[in-house]
Amino acid sequence: MILIVDTYHHFPDGPAYLRRLSQSLRPGGRIVNIDFHKRALPVGPPIEHKVARETFLKDAAAAGLALASEHGFLPYQYFVVLTPQRR
């Protein structure tokens, strides 16, 4: 498993980064991203450093990754689990 937490906005080419990460996964491996929702929140970074869930999932799809599961227990962040798309 590869875990990304609150740092995705630092990567200048997110889809390329995710593609490289997916090449490092063993069979059955997953990539998890936890990041702040892109809206005004009482905690977290400035809004310009936040990546919307929809934007992240679009980047993941462009990198050949599919949403495997999602967890909603974090009040200010989204938690998505990705797997390589089957070919």
PDB file of N, CA and C in Angstrom:
ATOM      1  N   MET A   1       0.840  -1.175   0.000  1.00  0.00           N
ATOM      2  CA  MET A   1       0.000   0.000   0.000  1.00  0.00           C
ATOM      3  C   MET A   1       0.882   1.234   0.000  1.00  0.00           C
ATOM      4  N   ILE A   2       0.448   2.212  -0.776  1.00  0.00           N
ATOM      5  CA  ILE A   2       1.106   3.517  -0.796  1.00  0.00           C
ATOM      6  C   ILE A   2       0.113   4.512  -0.208  1.00  0.00           C
ATOM      7  N   LEU A   3       0.562   5.293   0.756  1.00  0.00           N
ATOM      8  CA  LEU A   3      -0.299   6.237   1.460  1.00  0.00           C
ATOM      9  C   LEU A   3       0.141   7.670   1.155  1.00  0.00           C
ATOM     10  N   ILE A   4      -0.805   8.479   0.698  1.00  0.00           N
ATOM     11  CA  ILE A   4      -0.577   9.903   0.442  1.00  0.00           C
ATOM     12  C   ILE A   4      -1.514  10.663   1.379  1.00  0.00           C
ATOM     13  N   VAL A   5      -0.969  11.573   2.174  1.00  0.00           N
ATOM     14  CA  VAL A   5      -1.804  12.318   3.118  1.00  0.00           C
ATOM     15  C   VAL A   5      -1.492  13.817   3.006  1.00  0.00           C
ATOM     16  N   ASP A   6      -2.482  14.579   2.565  1.00  0.00           N
ATOM     17  CA  ASP A   6      -2.422  16.050   2.543  1.00  0.00           C
ATOM     18  C   ASP A   6      -1.233  16.615   1.773  1.00  0.00           C
ATOM     19  N   THR A   7      -0.709  15.891   0.785  1.00  0.00           N
ATOM     20  CA  THR A   7       0.459  16.380   0.053  1.00  0.00           C
ATOM     21  C   THR A   7       0.283  16.378  -1.456  1.00  0.00           C
ATOM     22  N   TYR A   8      -0.826  15.870  -1.948  1.00  0.00           N
ATOM     23  CA  TYR A   8      -0.996  15.727  -3.394  1.00  0.00           C
ATOM     24  C   TYR A   8      -0.829  17.058  -4.128  1.00  0.00           C
ATOM     25  N   HIS A   9      -1.219  18.150  -3.527  1.00  0.00           N
ATOM     26  CA  HIS A   9      -1.126  19.460  -4.183  1.00  0.00           C
ATOM     27  C   HIS A   9       0.312  19.877  -4.472  1.00  0.00           C
ATOM     28  N   HIS A  10       1.290  19.235  -3.865  1.00  0.00           N
ATOM     29  CA  HIS A  10       2.697  19.580  -4.084  1.00  0.00           C
ATOM     30  C   HIS A  10       3.253  19.042  -5.399  1.00  0.00           C
ATOM     31  N   PHE A  11       2.580  18.091  -6.014  1.00  0.00           N
ATOM     32  CA  PHE A  11       3.119  17.436  -7.202  1.00  0.00           C
ATOM     33  C   PHE A  11       2.668  18.182  -8.456  1.00  0.00           C
ATOM     34  N   PRO A  12       3.616  18.696  -9.266  1.00  0.00           N
ATOM     35  CA  PRO A  12       3.248  19.506 -10.419  1.00  0.00           C
ATOM     36  C   PRO A  12       2.466  18.743 -11.492  1.00  0.00           C
ATOM     37  N   ASP A  13       2.695  17.457 -11.620  1.00  0.00           N
ATOM     38  CA  ASP A  13       1.964  16.640 -12.588  1.00  0.00           C
ATOM     39  C   ASP A  13       1.385  15.446 -11.847  1.00  0.00           C
ATOM     40  N   GLY A  14       0.229  15.658 -11.233  1.00  0.00           N
ATOM     41  CA  GLY A  14      -0.387  14.633 -10.398  1.00  0.00           C
ATOM     42  C   GLY A  14      -0.626  13.307 -11.098  1.00  0.00           C
ATOM     43  N   PRO A  15      -1.214  13.298 -12.305  1.00  0.00           N
ATOM     44  CA  PRO A  15      -1.437  12.016 -12.978  1.00  0.00           C
ATOM     45  C   PRO A  15      -0.136  11.249 -13.252  1.00  0.00           C
ATOM     46  N   ALA A  16       0.914  11.956 -13.651  1.00  0.00           N
ATOM     47  CA  ALA A  16       2.202  11.285 -13.893  1.00  0.00           C
ATOM     48  C   ALA A  16       2.748  10.702 -12.595  1.00  0.00           C
ATOM     49  N   TYR A  17       2.607  11.441 -11.509  1.00  0.00           N
ATOM     50  CA  TYR A  17       3.054  10.955 -10.196  1.00  0.00           C
ATOM     51  C   TYR A  17       2.294   9.694  -9.806  1.00  0.00           C
ATOM     52  N   LEU A  18       0.982   9.715  -9.965  1.00  0.00           N
ATOM     53  CA  LEU A  18       0.173   8.536  -9.617  1.00  0.00           C
ATOM     54  C   LEU A  18       0.506   7.350 -10.516  1.00  0.00           C
ATOM     55  N   ARG A  19       0.772   7.616 -11.790  1.00  0.00           N
ATOM     56  CA  ARG A  19       1.156   6.546 -12.709  1.00  0.00           C
ATOM     57  C   ARG A  19       2.456   5.885 -12.253  1.00  0.00           C
ATOM     58  N   ARG A  20       3.431   6.706 -11.859  1.00  0.00           N
ATOM     59  CA  ARG A  20       4.715   6.153 -11.366  1.00  0.00           C
ATOM     60  C   ARG A  20       4.501   5.347 -10.091  1.00  0.00           C
ATOM     61  N   LEU A  21       3.666   5.860  -9.193  1.00  0.00           N
ATOM     62  CA  LEU A  21       3.388   5.109  -7.965  1.00  0.00           C
ATOM     63  C   LEU A  21       2.746   3.761  -8.280  1.00  0.00           C
ATOM     64  N   SER A  22       1.791   3.759  -9.210  1.00  0.00           N
ATOM     65  CA  SER A  22       1.077   2.511  -9.506  1.00  0.00           C
ATOM     66  C   SER A  22       2.020   1.461 -10.071  1.00  0.00           C
ATOM     67  N   GLN A  23       3.076   1.886 -10.746  1.00  0.00           N
ATOM     68  CA  GLN A  23       4.058   0.937 -11.286  1.00  0.00           C
ATOM     69  C   GLN A  23       4.875   0.270 -10.183  1.00  0.00           C
ATOM     70  N   SER A  24       4.874   0.857  -8.987  1.00  0.00           N
ATOM     71  CA  SER A  24       5.610   0.313  -7.853  1.00  0.00           C
ATOM     72  C   SER A  24       4.787  -0.668  -7.020  1.00  0.00           C
ATOM     73  N   LEU A  25       3.499  -0.757  -7.311  1.00  0.00           N
ATOM     74  CA  LEU A  25       2.630  -1.629  -6.519  1.00  0.00           C
ATOM     75  C   LEU A  25       2.856  -3.100  -6.851  1.00  0.00           C
ATOM     76  N   ARG A  26       2.787  -3.919  -5.842  1.00  0.00           N
ATOM     77  CA  ARG A  26       2.760  -5.362  -6.054  1.00  0.00           C
ATOM     78  C   ARG A  26       1.354  -5.743  -6.489  1.00  0.00           C
ATOM     79  N   PRO A  27       1.176  -6.940  -7.045  1.00  0.00           N
ATOM     80  CA  PRO A  27      -0.184  -7.381  -7.384  1.00  0.00           C
ATOM     81  C   PRO A  27      -1.099  -7.279  -6.156  1.00  0.00           C
ATOM     82  N   GLY A  28      -2.268  -6.708  -6.348  1.00  0.00           N
ATOM     83  CA  GLY A  28      -3.198  -6.518  -5.242  1.00  0.00           C
ATOM     84  C   GLY A  28      -2.943  -5.268  -4.426  1.00  0.00           C
ATOM     85  N   GLY A  29      -1.911  -4.511  -4.794  1.00  0.00           N
ATOM     86  CA  GLY A  29      -1.569  -3.297  -4.047  1.00  0.00           C
ATOM     87  C   GLY A  29      -2.571  -2.185  -4.275  1.00  0.00           C
ATOM     88  N   ARG A  30      -2.550  -1.219  -3.361  1.00  0.00           N
ATOM     89  CA  ARG A  30      -3.490  -0.100  -3.406  1.00  0.00           C
ATOM     90  C   ARG A  30      -2.766   1.205  -3.145  1.00  0.00           C
ATOM     91  N   ILE A  31      -3.373   2.265  -3.614  1.00  0.00           N
ATOM     92  CA  ILE A  31      -2.918   3.618  -3.297  1.00  0.00           C
ATOM     93  C   ILE A  31      -4.048   4.280  -2.519  1.00  0.00           C
ATOM     94  N   VAL A  32      -3.714   4.853  -1.370  1.00  0.00           N
ATOM     95  CA  VAL A  32      -4.695   5.544  -0.539  1.00  0.00           C
ATOM     96  C   VAL A  32      -4.344   7.026  -0.541  1.00  0.00           C
ATOM     97  N   ASN A  33      -5.351   7.855  -0.748  1.00  0.00           N
ATOM     98  CA  ASN A  33      -5.161   9.294  -0.628  1.00  0.00           C
ATOM     99  C   ASN A  33      -6.147   9.843   0.396  1.00  0.00           C
ATOM    100  N   ILE A  34      -5.611  10.594   1.327  1.00  0.00           N
ATOM    101  CA  ILE A  34      -6.412  11.325   2.309  1.00  0.00           C
ATOM    102  C   ILE A  34      -6.056  12.792   2.125  1.00  0.00           C
ATOM    103  N   ASP A  35      -7.068  13.597   1.875  1.00  0.00           N
ATOM    104  CA  ASP A  35      -6.805  15.013   1.653  1.00  0.00           C
ATOM    105  C   ASP A  35      -8.003  15.839   2.106  1.00  0.00           C
ATOM    106  N   PHE A  36      -7.743  17.107   2.382  1.00  0.00           N
ATOM    107  CA  PHE A  36      -8.804  18.001   2.841  1.00  0.00           C
ATOM    108  C   PHE A  36      -9.774  18.313   1.710  1.00  0.00           C
ATOM    109  N   HIS A  37     -11.050  18.383   2.049  1.00  0.00           N
ATOM    110  CA  HIS A  37     -12.049  18.833   1.083  1.00  0.00           C
ATOM    111  C   HIS A  37     -11.707  20.259   0.671  1.00  0.00           C
ATOM    112  N   LYS A  38     -11.938  20.584  -0.590  1.00  0.00           N
ATOM    113  CA  LYS A  38     -11.604  21.926  -1.085  1.00  0.00           C
ATOM    114  C   LYS A  38     -12.764  22.873  -0.799  1.00  0.00           C
ATOM    115  N   ARG A  39     -12.805  23.328   0.425  1.00  0.00           N
ATOM    116  CA  ARG A  39     -13.784  24.318   0.864  1.00  0.00           C
ATOM    117  C   ARG A  39     -13.271  24.925   2.172  1.00  0.00           C
ATOM    118  N   ALA A  40     -13.880  25.992   2.590  1.00  0.00           N
ATOM    119  CA  ALA A  40     -13.482  26.627   3.849  1.00  0.00           C
ATOM    120  C   ALA A  40     -13.768  25.659   5.001  1.00  0.00           C
ATOM    121  N   LEU A  41     -12.752  25.417   5.796  1.00  0.00           N
ATOM    122  CA  LEU A  41     -12.852  24.505   6.939  1.00  0.00           C
ATOM    123  C   LEU A  41     -12.195  25.150   8.154  1.00  0.00           C
ATOM    124  N   PRO A  42     -12.563  24.732   9.356  1.00  0.00           N
ATOM    125  CA  PRO A  42     -11.931  25.319  10.547  1.00  0.00           C
ATOM    126  C   PRO A  42     -10.507  24.821  10.791  1.00  0.00           C
ATOM    127  N   VAL A  43     -10.063  23.832  10.016  1.00  0.00           N
ATOM    128  CA  VAL A  43      -8.709  23.278  10.151  1.00  0.00           C
ATOM    129  C   VAL A  43      -8.123  23.076   8.762  1.00  0.00           C
ATOM    130  N   GLY A  44      -6.822  22.840   8.723  1.00  0.00           N
ATOM    131  CA  GLY A  44      -6.178  22.496   7.466  1.00  0.00           C
ATOM    132  C   GLY A  44      -5.525  23.672   6.775  1.00  0.00           C
ATOM    133  N   PRO A  45      -4.990  23.390   5.600  1.00  0.00           N
ATOM    134  CA  PRO A  45      -4.252  24.409   4.851  1.00  0.00           C
ATOM    135  C   PRO A  45      -5.190  25.405   4.183  1.00  0.00           C
ATOM    136  N   PRO A  46      -4.619  26.450   3.594  1.00  0.00           N
ATOM    137  CA  PRO A  46      -5.440  27.392   2.834  1.00  0.00           C
ATOM    138  C   PRO A  46      -6.136  26.669   1.675  1.00  0.00           C
ATOM    139  N   ILE A  47      -7.257  27.192   1.255  1.00  0.00           N
ATOM    140  CA  ILE A  47      -8.054  26.530   0.223  1.00  0.00           C
ATOM    141  C   ILE A  47      -7.263  26.302  -1.072  1.00  0.00           C
ATOM    142  N   GLU A  48      -6.328  27.185  -1.398  1.00  0.00           N
ATOM    143  CA  GLU A  48      -5.553  27.017  -2.633  1.00  0.00           C
ATOM    144  C   GLU A  48      -4.588  25.826  -2.562  1.00  0.00           C
ATOM    145  N   HIS A  49      -4.372  25.266  -1.395  1.00  0.00           N
ATOM    146  CA  HIS A  49      -3.531  24.083  -1.243  1.00  0.00           C
ATOM    147  C   HIS A  49      -4.354  22.800  -1.145  1.00  0.00           C
ATOM    148  N   LYS A  50      -5.640  22.921  -1.286  1.00  0.00           N
ATOM    149  CA  LYS A  50      -6.516  21.755  -1.200  1.00  0.00           C
ATOM    150  C   LYS A  50      -6.867  21.270  -2.600  1.00  0.00           C
ATOM    151  N   VAL A  51      -7.043  19.973  -2.733  1.00  0.00           N
ATOM    152  CA  VAL A  51      -7.421  19.358  -4.005  1.00  0.00           C
ATOM    153  C   VAL A  51      -8.797  18.736  -3.828  1.00  0.00           C
ATOM    154  N   ALA A  52      -9.727  19.147  -4.651  1.00  0.00           N
ATOM    155  CA  ALA A  52     -11.075  18.598  -4.576  1.00  0.00           C
ATOM    156  C   ALA A  52     -11.063  17.095  -4.848  1.00  0.00           C
ATOM    157  N   ARG A  53     -11.931  16.383  -4.185  1.00  0.00           N
ATOM    158  CA  ARG A  53     -12.057  14.941  -4.374  1.00  0.00           C
ATOM    159  C   ARG A  53     -12.265  14.611  -5.851  1.00  0.00           C
ATOM    160  N   GLU A  54     -13.142  15.335  -6.506  1.00  0.00           N
ATOM    161  CA  GLU A  54     -13.446  15.086  -7.912  1.00  0.00           C
ATOM    162  C   GLU A  54     -12.219  15.291  -8.795  1.00  0.00           C
ATOM    163  N   THR A  55     -11.428  16.302  -8.496  1.00  0.00           N
ATOM    164  CA  THR A  55     -10.197  16.562  -9.246  1.00  0.00           C
ATOM    165  C   THR A  55      -9.206  15.423  -9.042  1.00  0.00           C
ATOM    166  N   PHE A  56      -9.056  14.993  -7.797  1.00  0.00           N
ATOM    167  CA  PHE A  56      -8.133  13.899  -7.524  1.00  0.00           C
ATOM    168  C   PHE A  56      -8.572  12.630  -8.251  1.00  0.00           C
ATOM    169  N   LEU A  57      -9.855  12.308  -8.200  1.00  0.00           N
ATOM    170  CA  LEU A  57     -10.338  11.088  -8.856  1.00  0.00           C
ATOM    171  C   LEU A  57     -10.191  11.175 -10.372  1.00  0.00           C
ATOM    172  N   LYS A  58     -10.348  12.358 -10.942  1.00  0.00           N
ATOM    173  CA  LYS A  58     -10.128  12.535 -12.380  1.00  0.00           C
ATOM    174  C   LYS A  58      -8.655  12.284 -12.714  1.00  0.00           C
ATOM    175  N   ASP A  59      -7.749  12.823 -11.908  1.00  0.00           N
ATOM    176  CA  ASP A  59      -6.315  12.578 -12.099  1.00  0.00           C
ATOM    177  C   ASP A  59      -5.993  11.088 -11.963  1.00  0.00           C
ATOM    178  N   ALA A  60      -6.605  10.446 -10.984  1.00  0.00           N
ATOM    179  CA  ALA A  60      -6.361   9.011 -10.764  1.00  0.00           C
ATOM    180  C   ALA A  60      -6.814   8.203 -11.972  1.00  0.00           C
ATOM    181  N   ALA A  61      -7.974   8.525 -12.516  1.00  0.00           N
ATOM    182  CA  ALA A  61      -8.476   7.816 -13.701  1.00  0.00           C
ATOM    183  C   ALA A  61      -7.531   8.027 -14.882  1.00  0.00           C
ATOM    184  N   ALA A  62      -7.017   9.240 -15.036  1.00  0.00           N
ATOM    185  CA  ALA A  62      -6.064   9.530 -16.111  1.00  0.00           C
ATOM    186  C   ALA A  62      -4.778   8.735 -15.943  1.00  0.00           C
ATOM    187  N   ALA A  63      -4.464   8.368 -14.711  1.00  0.00           N
ATOM    188  CA  ALA A  63      -3.262   7.582 -14.410  1.00  0.00           C
ATOM    189  C   ALA A  63      -3.530   6.083 -14.470  1.00  0.00           C
ATOM    190  N   GLY A  64      -4.760   5.692 -14.824  1.00  0.00           N
ATOM    191  CA  GLY A  64      -5.077   4.268 -14.926  1.00  0.00           C
ATOM    192  C   GLY A  64      -5.495   3.642 -13.614  1.00  0.00           C
ATOM    193  N   LEU A  65      -5.975   4.447 -12.687  1.00  0.00           N
ATOM    194  CA  LEU A  65      -6.404   3.945 -11.383  1.00  0.00           C
ATOM    195  C   LEU A  65      -7.918   4.051 -11.253  1.00  0.00           C
ATOM    196  N   ALA A  66      -8.494   3.128 -10.509  1.00  0.00           N
ATOM    197  CA  ALA A  66      -9.940   3.108 -10.283  1.00  0.00           C
ATOM    198  C   ALA A  66     -10.227   3.211  -8.791  1.00  0.00           C
ATOM    199  N   LEU A  67     -11.329   3.836  -8.468  1.00  0.00           N
ATOM    200  CA  LEU A  67     -11.776   3.933  -7.081  1.00  0.00           C
ATOM    201  C   LEU A  67     -12.233   2.553  -6.619  1.00  0.00           C
ATOM    202  N   ALA A  68     -11.566   2.020  -5.600  1.00  0.00           N
ATOM    203  CA  ALA A  68     -11.918   0.707  -5.059  1.00  0.00           C
ATOM    204  C   ALA A  68     -12.843   0.826  -3.864  1.00  0.00           C
ATOM    205  N   SER A  69     -12.590   1.830  -3.022  1.00  0.00           N
ATOM    206  CA  SER A  69     -13.449   2.057  -1.861  1.00  0.00           C
ATOM    207  C   SER A  69     -13.216   3.468  -1.349  1.00  0.00           C
ATOM    208  N   GLU A  70     -14.109   3.863  -0.460  1.00  0.00           N
ATOM    209  CA  GLU A  70     -14.045   5.208   0.111  1.00  0.00           C
ATOM    210  C   GLU A  70     -14.570   5.136   1.538  1.00  0.00           C
ATOM    211  N   HIS A  71     -13.955   5.930   2.413  1.00  0.00           N
ATOM    212  CA  HIS A  71     -14.363   5.944   3.816  1.00  0.00           C
ATOM    213  C   HIS A  71     -14.766   7.367   4.190  1.00  0.00           C
ATOM    214  N   GLY A  72     -15.848   7.502   4.924  1.00  0.00           N
ATOM    215  CA  GLY A  72     -16.378   8.813   5.242  1.00  0.00           C
ATOM    216  C   GLY A  72     -16.322   9.202   6.704  1.00  0.00           C
ATOM    217  N   PHE A  73     -15.417   8.607   7.467  1.00  0.00           N
ATOM    218  CA  PHE A  73     -15.392   8.869   8.902  1.00  0.00           C
ATOM    219  C   PHE A  73     -14.579  10.104   9.295  1.00  0.00           C
ATOM    220  N   LEU A  74     -13.839  10.698   8.356  1.00  0.00           N
ATOM    221  CA  LEU A  74     -13.063  11.900   8.677  1.00  0.00           C
ATOM    222  C   LEU A  74     -13.932  13.135   8.429  1.00  0.00           C
ATOM    223  N   PRO A  75     -14.032  14.038   9.378  1.00  0.00           N
ATOM    224  CA  PRO A  75     -14.955  15.167   9.219  1.00  0.00           C
ATOM    225  C   PRO A  75     -14.515  16.214   8.190  1.00  0.00           C
ATOM    226  N   TYR A  76     -13.216  16.363   7.947  1.00  0.00           N
ATOM    227  CA  TYR A  76     -12.734  17.431   7.081  1.00  0.00           C
ATOM    228  C   TYR A  76     -11.978  16.926   5.847  1.00  0.00           C
ATOM    229  N   GLN A  77     -11.789  15.631   5.755  1.00  0.00           N
ATOM    230  CA  GLN A  77     -10.987  15.062   4.675  1.00  0.00           C
ATOM    231  C   GLN A  77     -11.738  13.929   3.986  1.00  0.00           C
ATOM    232  N   TYR A  78     -11.364  13.701   2.727  1.00  0.00           N
ATOM    233  CA  TYR A  78     -11.852  12.509   2.039  1.00  0.00           C
ATOM    234  C   TYR A  78     -10.766  11.442   2.105  1.00  0.00           C
ATOM    235  N   PHE A  79     -11.173  10.193   2.019  1.00  0.00           N
ATOM    236  CA  PHE A  79     -10.287   9.029   2.181  1.00  0.00           C
ATOM    237  C   PHE A  79     -10.673   8.058   1.075  1.00  0.00           C
ATOM    238  N   VAL A  80      -9.845   7.993   0.036  1.00  0.00           N
ATOM    239  CA  VAL A  80     -10.143   7.122  -1.098  1.00  0.00           C
ATOM    240  C   VAL A  80      -9.060   6.071  -1.260  1.00  0.00           C
ATOM    241  N   VAL A  81      -9.480   4.899  -1.714  1.00  0.00           N
ATOM    242  CA  VAL A  81      -8.584   3.774  -1.960  1.00  0.00           C
ATOM    243  C   VAL A  81      -8.667   3.461  -3.456  1.00  0.00           C
ATOM    244  N   LEU A  82      -7.518   3.412  -4.092  1.00  0.00           N
ATOM    245  CA  LEU A  82      -7.436   3.196  -5.531  1.00  0.00           C
ATOM    246  C   LEU A  82      -6.706   1.907  -5.859  1.00  0.00           C
ATOM    247  N   THR A  83      -7.072   1.308  -6.973  1.00  0.00           N
ATOM    248  CA  THR A  83      -6.375   0.138  -7.492  1.00  0.00           C
ATOM    249  C   THR A  83      -6.144   0.347  -8.981  1.00  0.00           C
ATOM    250  N   PRO A  84      -5.103  -0.274  -9.533  1.00  0.00           N
ATOM    251  CA  PRO A  84      -4.894  -0.168 -10.980  1.00  0.00           C
ATOM    252  C   PRO A  84      -6.096  -0.759 -11.722  1.00  0.00           C
ATOM    253  N   GLN A  85      -6.497  -0.105 -12.810  1.00  0.00           N
ATOM    254  CA  GLN A  85      -7.596  -0.618 -13.619  1.00  0.00           C
ATOM    255  C   GLN A  85      -7.125  -1.874 -14.338  1.00  0.00           C
ATOM    256  N   ARG A  86      -8.000  -2.817 -14.434  1.00  0.00           N
ATOM    257  CA  ARG A  86      -7.660  -4.066 -15.134  1.00  0.00           C
ATOM    258  C   ARG A  86      -7.622  -3.815 -16.626  1.00  0.00           C
ATOM    259  N   ARG A  87      -6.699  -4.460 -17.257  1.00  0.00           N
ATOM    260  CA  ARG A  87      -6.553  -4.286 -18.713  1.00  0.00           C
ATOM    261  C   ARG A  87      -6.859  -5.564 -19.420  1.00  0.00           C
TER     262      ARG A  87
END
